[in-house]
Amino acid sequence: MGWFSKSPFGHNEDPVNHMVKLLSDEAEKAGSPLTESEKEYLATEHSDHEPPTEGLEKKAKDLIVRIFEAEPWDEFERDPKSFGNSLQWAGDSRYSNIVALAEEVSCEMTGRSSPPLHGWQKISDRILLVGCGILVVLSMFAIGAVGTIFFGWK
């Protein structure tokens, strides 16, 4: 996806409602459709004072995992109104319950694929980082020296 992209949603379309519809469709495929009150809860603005029921949270997270696993990760093959792309646009206007759950699932899924570095890997990673920083500073000095020699900079 480019740095700047135009929203695939029109002025009258709400990405949050589109995400709820996609989740509802997935729930129907799974054989446990969402009730109207569950759909309304998922579309409302996220609040820590009104946490979802344990059953709805687990059900929604399981469905979101299924959706994310079914979607292609290649940005050129993805539908502009896919669940993942809708998440990008839904988080801009307001932070709804479905956006909060989808972000939580996304963080859990990406956390599994890249564990934190430990031991020698962590040390070598830090050494490479410091070494690259020193190399950048030395190259800046070299550029300054070459400029002074050839162009007489002071």
C-alpha atoms as a PDB file:
ATOM      1  CA  MET A   1       0.000   0.000   0.000  1.00  0.00           C
ATOM      2  CA  GLY A   2       1.344   3.432  -0.843  1.00  0.00           C
ATOM      3  CA  TRP A   3       1.968   6.259   1.564  1.00  0.00           C
ATOM      4  CA  PHE A   4      -1.146   8.050   0.452  1.00  0.00           C
ATOM      5  CA  SER A   5      -4.204   6.152  -0.553  1.00  0.00           C
ATOM      6  CA  LYS A   6      -7.760   7.159  -1.192  1.00  0.00           C
ATOM      7  CA  SER A   7     -10.464   5.591   0.887  1.00  0.00           C
ATOM      8  CA  PRO A   8     -12.520   3.008  -1.002  1.00  0.00           C
ATOM      9  CA  PHE A   9     -15.544   4.070   1.062  1.00  0.00           C
ATOM     10  CA  GLY A  10     -17.882   6.771  -0.180  1.00  0.00           C
ATOM     11  CA  HIS A  11     -19.253   9.635   1.886  1.00  0.00           C
ATOM     12  CA  ASN A  12     -22.350   7.659   2.889  1.00  0.00           C
ATOM     13  CA  GLU A  13     -20.453   4.438   3.664  1.00  0.00           C
ATOM     14  CA  ASP A  14     -19.130   3.731   7.141  1.00  0.00           C
ATOM     15  CA  PRO A  15     -16.112   1.402   7.382  1.00  0.00           C
ATOM     16  CA  VAL A  16     -17.160   0.333  10.890  1.00  0.00           C
ATOM     17  CA  ASN A  17     -20.566  -0.836   9.675  1.00  0.00           C
ATOM     18  CA  HIS A  18     -18.853  -2.592   6.766  1.00  0.00           C
ATOM     19  CA  MET A  19     -16.583  -4.443   9.214  1.00  0.00           C
ATOM     20  CA  VAL A  20     -19.585  -5.450  11.321  1.00  0.00           C
ATOM     21  CA  LYS A  21     -21.303  -6.741   8.174  1.00  0.00           C
ATOM     22  CA  LEU A  22     -18.229  -8.779   7.179  1.00  0.00           C
ATOM     23  CA  LEU A  23     -18.007 -10.202  10.710  1.00  0.00           C
ATOM     24  CA  SER A  24     -21.727 -10.974  10.669  1.00  0.00           C
ATOM     25  CA  ASP A  25     -21.360 -12.776   7.326  1.00  0.00           C
ATOM     26  CA  GLU A  26     -18.483 -14.838   8.740  1.00  0.00           C
ATOM     27  CA  ALA A  27     -20.582 -15.651  11.825  1.00  0.00           C
ATOM     28  CA  GLU A  28     -23.392 -16.928   9.606  1.00  0.00           C
ATOM     29  CA  LYS A  29     -20.912 -19.115   7.702  1.00  0.00           C
ATOM     30  CA  ALA A  30     -19.694 -20.485  11.038  1.00  0.00           C
ATOM     31  CA  GLY A  31     -23.262 -21.309  12.052  1.00  0.00           C
ATOM     32  CA  SER A  32     -23.632 -18.844  14.937  1.00  0.00           C
ATOM     33  CA  PRO A  33     -25.073 -15.591  13.574  1.00  0.00           C
ATOM     34  CA  LEU A  34     -24.712 -12.344  15.497  1.00  0.00           C
ATOM     35  CA  THR A  35     -27.783 -10.863  17.138  1.00  0.00           C
ATOM     36  CA  GLU A  36     -28.822  -7.274  16.471  1.00  0.00           C
ATOM     37  CA  SER A  37     -27.697  -6.222  19.960  1.00  0.00           C
ATOM     38  CA  GLU A  38     -24.261  -7.785  19.349  1.00  0.00           C
ATOM     39  CA  LYS A  39     -23.961  -5.959  16.031  1.00  0.00           C
ATOM     40  CA  GLU A  40     -24.945  -2.673  17.697  1.00  0.00           C
ATOM     41  CA  TYR A  41     -22.420  -3.233  20.488  1.00  0.00           C
ATOM     42  CA  LEU A  42     -19.608  -3.926  18.001  1.00  0.00           C
ATOM     43  CA  ALA A  43     -20.439  -0.749  16.049  1.00  0.00           C
ATOM     44  CA  THR A  44     -20.584   1.537  19.095  1.00  0.00           C
ATOM     45  CA  GLU A  45     -17.636   3.557  20.332  1.00  0.00           C
ATOM     46  CA  HIS A  46     -15.200   1.612  22.519  1.00  0.00           C
ATOM     47  CA  SER A  47     -15.487   2.220  26.233  1.00  0.00           C
ATOM     48  CA  ASP A  48     -13.663   0.577  29.115  1.00  0.00           C
ATOM     49  CA  HIS A  49     -16.798   1.065  31.232  1.00  0.00           C
ATOM     50  CA  GLU A  50     -18.821  -1.293  29.028  1.00  0.00           C
ATOM     51  CA  PRO A  51     -16.670  -4.361  28.339  1.00  0.00           C
ATOM     52  CA  PRO A  52     -18.174  -6.994  26.064  1.00  0.00           C
ATOM     53  CA  THR A  53     -19.590 -10.151  27.509  1.00  0.00           C
ATOM     54  CA  GLU A  54     -17.084 -12.992  27.663  1.00  0.00           C
ATOM     55  CA  GLY A  55     -19.027 -14.979  25.087  1.00  0.00           C
ATOM     56  CA  LEU A  56     -19.236 -12.130  22.571  1.00  0.00           C
ATOM     57  CA  GLU A  57     -15.566 -11.232  22.961  1.00  0.00           C
ATOM     58  CA  LYS A  58     -14.410 -14.824  22.380  1.00  0.00           C
ATOM     59  CA  LYS A  59     -16.846 -15.333  19.511  1.00  0.00           C
ATOM     60  CA  ALA A  60     -15.815 -12.080  17.803  1.00  0.00           C
ATOM     61  CA  LYS A  61     -12.093 -12.760  18.254  1.00  0.00           C
ATOM     62  CA  ASP A  62     -12.420 -16.274  16.830  1.00  0.00           C
ATOM     63  CA  LEU A  63     -14.306 -14.910  13.818  1.00  0.00           C
ATOM     64  CA  ILE A  64     -11.748 -12.139  13.294  1.00  0.00           C
ATOM     65  CA  VAL A  65      -8.935 -14.707  13.360  1.00  0.00           C
ATOM     66  CA  ARG A  66     -10.770 -16.734  10.713  1.00  0.00           C
ATOM     67  CA  ILE A  67     -11.201 -13.629   8.551  1.00  0.00           C
ATOM     68  CA  PHE A  68      -7.554 -12.576   8.886  1.00  0.00           C
ATOM     69  CA  GLU A  69      -6.321 -16.078   8.079  1.00  0.00           C
ATOM     70  CA  ALA A  70      -8.560 -16.282   5.007  1.00  0.00           C
ATOM     71  CA  GLU A  71      -7.495 -12.896   3.591  1.00  0.00           C
ATOM     72  CA  PRO A  72      -4.435 -12.749   1.342  1.00  0.00           C
ATOM     73  CA  TRP A  73      -1.579 -10.735   2.847  1.00  0.00           C
ATOM     74  CA  ASP A  74      -0.303  -9.461  -0.499  1.00  0.00           C
ATOM     75  CA  GLU A  75      -1.553  -5.903  -0.775  1.00  0.00           C
ATOM     76  CA  PHE A  76      -2.010  -6.129  -4.541  1.00  0.00           C
ATOM     77  CA  GLU A  77      -4.304  -9.154  -4.294  1.00  0.00           C
ATOM     78  CA  ARG A  78      -6.421  -7.773  -1.460  1.00  0.00           C
ATOM     79  CA  ASP A  79      -9.841  -6.317  -1.910  1.00  0.00           C
ATOM     80  CA  PRO A  80      -9.824  -2.574  -1.066  1.00  0.00           C
ATOM     81  CA  LYS A  81     -12.839  -3.191   1.170  1.00  0.00           C
ATOM     82  CA  SER A  82     -11.483  -6.315   2.857  1.00  0.00           C
ATOM     83  CA  PHE A  83     -11.659  -6.624   6.623  1.00  0.00           C
ATOM     84  CA  GLY A  84      -8.000  -5.649   7.082  1.00  0.00           C
ATOM     85  CA  ASN A  85      -8.238  -2.643   4.773  1.00  0.00           C
ATOM     86  CA  SER A  86     -11.518  -1.596   6.388  1.00  0.00           C
ATOM     87  CA  LEU A  87      -9.712  -1.653   9.741  1.00  0.00           C
ATOM     88  CA  GLN A  88      -7.319   0.981   8.412  1.00  0.00           C
ATOM     89  CA  TRP A  89     -10.172   3.350   7.553  1.00  0.00           C
ATOM     90  CA  ALA A  90     -12.460   2.501  10.482  1.00  0.00           C
ATOM     91  CA  GLY A  91      -9.885   3.551  13.052  1.00  0.00           C
ATOM     92  CA  ASP A  92      -9.664   7.051  11.593  1.00  0.00           C
ATOM     93  CA  SER A  93     -13.122   8.358  12.443  1.00  0.00           C
ATOM     94  CA  ARG A  94     -13.878   6.775  15.807  1.00  0.00           C
ATOM     95  CA  TYR A  95     -12.562   3.919  17.886  1.00  0.00           C
ATOM     96  CA  SER A  96     -15.372   1.380  17.900  1.00  0.00           C
ATOM     97  CA  ASN A  97     -15.522  -1.947  19.731  1.00  0.00           C
ATOM     98  CA  ILE A  98     -14.936  -3.962  16.553  1.00  0.00           C
ATOM     99  CA  VAL A  99     -11.816  -1.910  15.764  1.00  0.00           C
ATOM    100  CA  ALA A 100     -10.499  -2.492  19.292  1.00  0.00           C
ATOM    101  CA  LEU A 101     -11.078  -6.252  19.039  1.00  0.00           C
ATOM    102  CA  ALA A 102      -9.576  -6.457  15.540  1.00  0.00           C
ATOM    103  CA  GLU A 103      -6.460  -4.544  16.619  1.00  0.00           C
ATOM    104  CA  GLU A 104      -6.089  -6.797  19.643  1.00  0.00           C
ATOM    105  CA  VAL A 105      -6.358  -9.925  17.474  1.00  0.00           C
ATOM    106  CA  SER A 106      -3.937  -8.473  14.928  1.00  0.00           C
ATOM    107  CA  CYS A 107      -1.362  -7.739  17.641  1.00  0.00           C
ATOM    108  CA  GLU A 108      -1.765 -11.236  19.067  1.00  0.00           C
ATOM    109  CA  MET A 109      -1.333 -12.807  15.624  1.00  0.00           C
ATOM    110  CA  THR A 110       1.752 -10.786  14.687  1.00  0.00           C
ATOM    111  CA  GLY A 111       3.260 -11.320  18.134  1.00  0.00           C
ATOM    112  CA  ARG A 112       3.212 -15.076  17.565  1.00  0.00           C
ATOM    113  CA  SER A 113       5.146 -14.856  14.311  1.00  0.00           C
ATOM    114  CA  SER A 114       8.075 -12.795  15.599  1.00  0.00           C
ATOM    115  CA  PRO A 115       9.198 -13.613  19.146  1.00  0.00           C
ATOM    116  CA  PRO A 116      11.477 -11.159  20.950  1.00  0.00           C
ATOM    117  CA  LEU A 117      15.217 -11.695  20.688  1.00  0.00           C
ATOM    118  CA  HIS A 118      17.044 -13.282  23.629  1.00  0.00           C
ATOM    119  CA  GLY A 119      20.636 -13.950  24.592  1.00  0.00           C
ATOM    120  CA  TRP A 120      23.331 -13.684  21.927  1.00  0.00           C
ATOM    121  CA  GLN A 121      20.839 -12.680  19.190  1.00  0.00           C
ATOM    122  CA  LYS A 122      19.805  -9.645  21.215  1.00  0.00           C
ATOM    123  CA  ILE A 123      23.423  -8.686  21.955  1.00  0.00           C
ATOM    124  CA  SER A 124      24.533  -9.079  18.326  1.00  0.00           C
ATOM    125  CA  ASP A 125      21.534  -7.045  17.170  1.00  0.00           C
ATOM    126  CA  ARG A 126      22.492  -4.205  19.531  1.00  0.00           C
ATOM    127  CA  ILE A 127      26.167  -4.384  18.462  1.00  0.00           C
ATOM    128  CA  LEU A 128      25.127  -4.124  14.804  1.00  0.00           C
ATOM    129  CA  LEU A 129      22.910  -1.143  15.604  1.00  0.00           C
ATOM    130  CA  VAL A 130      25.694   0.713  17.429  1.00  0.00           C
ATOM    131  CA  GLY A 131      28.190  -0.241  14.703  1.00  0.00           C
ATOM    132  CA  CYS A 132      25.941   1.160  11.993  1.00  0.00           C
ATOM    133  CA  GLY A 133      25.550   4.383  13.960  1.00  0.00           C
ATOM    134  CA  ILE A 134      29.313   4.739  14.300  1.00  0.00           C
ATOM    135  CA  LEU A 135      29.725   3.983  10.590  1.00  0.00           C
ATOM    136  CA  VAL A 136      27.261   6.728   9.689  1.00  0.00           C
ATOM    137  CA  VAL A 137      29.117   9.276  11.858  1.00  0.00           C
ATOM    138  CA  LEU A 138      32.492   8.262  10.381  1.00  0.00           C
ATOM    139  CA  SER A 139      31.110   8.527   6.846  1.00  0.00           C
ATOM    140  CA  MET A 140      29.855  12.037   7.634  1.00  0.00           C
ATOM    141  CA  PHE A 141      33.365  12.975   8.790  1.00  0.00           C
ATOM    142  CA  ALA A 142      34.823  11.484   5.605  1.00  0.00           C
ATOM    143  CA  ILE A 143      32.409  13.438   3.414  1.00  0.00           C
ATOM    144  CA  GLY A 144      33.309  16.609   5.297  1.00  0.00           C
ATOM    145  CA  ALA A 145      37.041  15.921   4.887  1.00  0.00           C
ATOM    146  CA  VAL A 146      36.673  15.236   1.154  1.00  0.00           C
ATOM    147  CA  GLY A 147      34.626  18.410   0.765  1.00  0.00           C
ATOM    148  CA  THR A 148      37.270  20.418   2.603  1.00  0.00           C
ATOM    149  CA  ILE A 149      40.081  19.010   0.467  1.00  0.00           C
ATOM    150  CA  PHE A 150      38.394  19.407  -2.944  1.00  0.00           C
ATOM    151  CA  PHE A 151      36.196  22.473  -2.474  1.00  0.00           C
ATOM    152  CA  GLY A 152      38.026  24.339   0.261  1.00  0.00           C
ATOM    153  CA  TRP A 153      35.053  24.356   2.649  1.00  0.00           C
ATOM    154  CA  LYS A 154      35.804  25.898   5.999  1.00  0.00           C
END
